[in-house]
Amino acid sequence: MSKVMVSLADDLLAEVDAEAKRRSTTRSAFLAAAARRELARRDDGRVAAAIARSEQRFRSAGAFEASGLVRAHRDTR
């Protein structure tokens, strides 16, 4: 396990320590759990932008049928 040094405002650190104590855990465990939750969150703005880009690409791709794509691929072999 690695150790890191972070800087937090005194009032934020006091809140972290109070909440860790309330939960009967350590400061490190509390901050690790908070980091895991934050990393697991989806960035809905980024996801929406990626979906919009994909939709635009499909609109400009035109119509196609899977059977035609498979046939074309087989013909190139």
C-alpha atoms as a PDB file:
ATOM      1  CA  MET A   1       0.000   0.000   0.000  1.00  0.00           C
ATOM      2  CA  SER A   2       1.298   3.434  -0.912  1.00  0.00           C
ATOM      3  CA  LYS A   3       1.268   6.504   1.267  1.00  0.00           C
ATOM      4  CA  VAL A   4       0.482   9.933  -0.162  1.00  0.00           C
ATOM      5  CA  MET A   5       0.560  13.442   1.151  1.00  0.00           C
ATOM      6  CA  VAL A   6      -2.392  15.691   0.354  1.00  0.00           C
ATOM      7  CA  SER A   7      -3.244  19.213   1.385  1.00  0.00           C
ATOM      8  CA  LEU A   8      -6.727  19.954   2.712  1.00  0.00           C
ATOM      9  CA  ALA A   9      -8.138  23.102   4.213  1.00  0.00           C
ATOM     10  CA  ASP A  10      -8.237  22.896   8.010  1.00  0.00           C
ATOM     11  CA  ASP A  11     -12.044  23.057   8.130  1.00  0.00           C
ATOM     12  CA  LEU A  12     -12.369  20.265   5.523  1.00  0.00           C
ATOM     13  CA  LEU A  13      -9.913  18.066   7.398  1.00  0.00           C
ATOM     14  CA  ALA A  14     -11.878  18.642  10.594  1.00  0.00           C
ATOM     15  CA  GLU A  15     -15.056  17.503   8.818  1.00  0.00           C
ATOM     16  CA  VAL A  16     -13.289  14.445   7.407  1.00  0.00           C
ATOM     17  CA  ASP A  17     -11.937  13.514  10.827  1.00  0.00           C
ATOM     18  CA  ALA A  18     -15.309  14.024  12.505  1.00  0.00           C
ATOM     19  CA  GLU A  19     -17.095  11.872   9.916  1.00  0.00           C
ATOM     20  CA  ALA A  20     -14.430   9.165  10.086  1.00  0.00           C
ATOM     21  CA  LYS A  21     -14.789   9.090  13.867  1.00  0.00           C
ATOM     22  CA  ARG A  22     -18.594   8.993  13.587  1.00  0.00           C
ATOM     23  CA  ARG A  23     -18.283   5.982  11.276  1.00  0.00           C
ATOM     24  CA  SER A  24     -15.703   4.326  13.531  1.00  0.00           C
ATOM     25  CA  THR A  25     -13.124   4.211  10.768  1.00  0.00           C
ATOM     26  CA  THR A  26      -9.798   5.808  10.014  1.00  0.00           C
ATOM     27  CA  ARG A  27      -9.162   8.974   8.065  1.00  0.00           C
ATOM     28  CA  SER A  28      -7.363   6.911   5.416  1.00  0.00           C
ATOM     29  CA  ALA A  29     -10.225   4.425   5.059  1.00  0.00           C
ATOM     30  CA  PHE A  30     -12.760   7.237   4.841  1.00  0.00           C
ATOM     31  CA  LEU A  31     -10.774   9.076   2.136  1.00  0.00           C
ATOM     32  CA  ALA A  32     -10.128   5.835   0.217  1.00  0.00           C
ATOM     33  CA  ALA A  33     -13.869   5.068   0.175  1.00  0.00           C
ATOM     34  CA  ALA A  34     -14.636   8.613  -0.970  1.00  0.00           C
ATOM     35  CA  ALA A  35     -12.058   8.314  -3.768  1.00  0.00           C
ATOM     36  CA  ARG A  36     -13.503   4.957  -4.891  1.00  0.00           C
ATOM     37  CA  ARG A  37     -17.028   6.395  -4.997  1.00  0.00           C
ATOM     38  CA  GLU A  38     -15.876   9.400  -6.994  1.00  0.00           C
ATOM     39  CA  LEU A  39     -13.966   7.260  -9.482  1.00  0.00           C
ATOM     40  CA  ALA A  40     -16.980   4.983  -9.958  1.00  0.00           C
ATOM     41  CA  ARG A  41     -19.271   7.886 -10.832  1.00  0.00           C
ATOM     42  CA  ARG A  42     -20.068   8.295 -14.489  1.00  0.00           C
ATOM     43  CA  ASP A  43     -19.504  11.690 -15.960  1.00  0.00           C
ATOM     44  CA  ASP A  44     -22.943  12.095 -17.534  1.00  0.00           C
ATOM     45  CA  GLY A  45     -21.812  15.083 -19.605  1.00  0.00           C
ATOM     46  CA  ARG A  46     -19.010  13.078 -21.198  1.00  0.00           C
ATOM     47  CA  VAL A  47     -21.280  10.088 -21.763  1.00  0.00           C
ATOM     48  CA  ALA A  48     -23.942  12.272 -23.400  1.00  0.00           C
ATOM     49  CA  ALA A  49     -21.321  13.890 -25.642  1.00  0.00           C
ATOM     50  CA  ALA A  50     -19.989  10.462 -26.704  1.00  0.00           C
ATOM     51  CA  ILE A  51     -23.502   9.259 -27.530  1.00  0.00           C
ATOM     52  CA  ALA A  52     -24.174  12.403 -29.575  1.00  0.00           C
ATOM     53  CA  ARG A  53     -20.938  11.877 -31.546  1.00  0.00           C
ATOM     54  CA  SER A  54     -21.892   8.251 -32.253  1.00  0.00           C
ATOM     55  CA  GLU A  55     -25.380   9.199 -33.357  1.00  0.00           C
ATOM     56  CA  GLN A  56     -23.951  11.812 -35.732  1.00  0.00           C
ATOM     57  CA  ARG A  57     -21.546   9.279 -37.232  1.00  0.00           C
ATOM     58  CA  PHE A  58     -24.346   6.785 -37.822  1.00  0.00           C
ATOM     59  CA  ARG A  59     -26.550   9.440 -39.447  1.00  0.00           C
ATOM     60  CA  SER A  60     -23.801  10.271 -41.926  1.00  0.00           C
ATOM     61  CA  ALA A  61     -22.991   6.583 -42.568  1.00  0.00           C
ATOM     62  CA  GLY A  62     -26.177   6.006 -44.516  1.00  0.00           C
ATOM     63  CA  ALA A  63     -28.322   2.891 -44.547  1.00  0.00           C
ATOM     64  CA  PHE A  64     -26.781  -0.540 -44.491  1.00  0.00           C
ATOM     65  CA  GLU A  65     -27.814  -4.111 -43.890  1.00  0.00           C
ATOM     66  CA  ALA A  66     -25.781  -6.604 -41.901  1.00  0.00           C
ATOM     67  CA  SER A  67     -26.094  -9.259 -44.615  1.00  0.00           C
ATOM     68  CA  GLY A  68     -24.524  -6.909 -47.141  1.00  0.00           C
ATOM     69  CA  LEU A  69     -21.613  -6.148 -44.824  1.00  0.00           C
ATOM     70  CA  VAL A  70     -21.010  -9.858 -44.181  1.00  0.00           C
ATOM     71  CA  ARG A  71     -21.161 -10.627 -47.930  1.00  0.00           C
ATOM     72  CA  ALA A  72     -18.720  -7.820 -48.717  1.00  0.00           C
ATOM     73  CA  HIS A  73     -16.333  -9.043 -46.048  1.00  0.00           C
ATOM     74  CA  ARG A  74     -16.495 -12.639 -47.365  1.00  0.00           C
ATOM     75  CA  ASP A  75     -15.855 -11.437 -50.902  1.00  0.00           C
ATOM     76  CA  THR A  76     -12.583  -9.786 -49.830  1.00  0.00           C
ATOM     77  CA  ARG A  77     -11.126 -13.039 -48.550  1.00  0.00           C
END
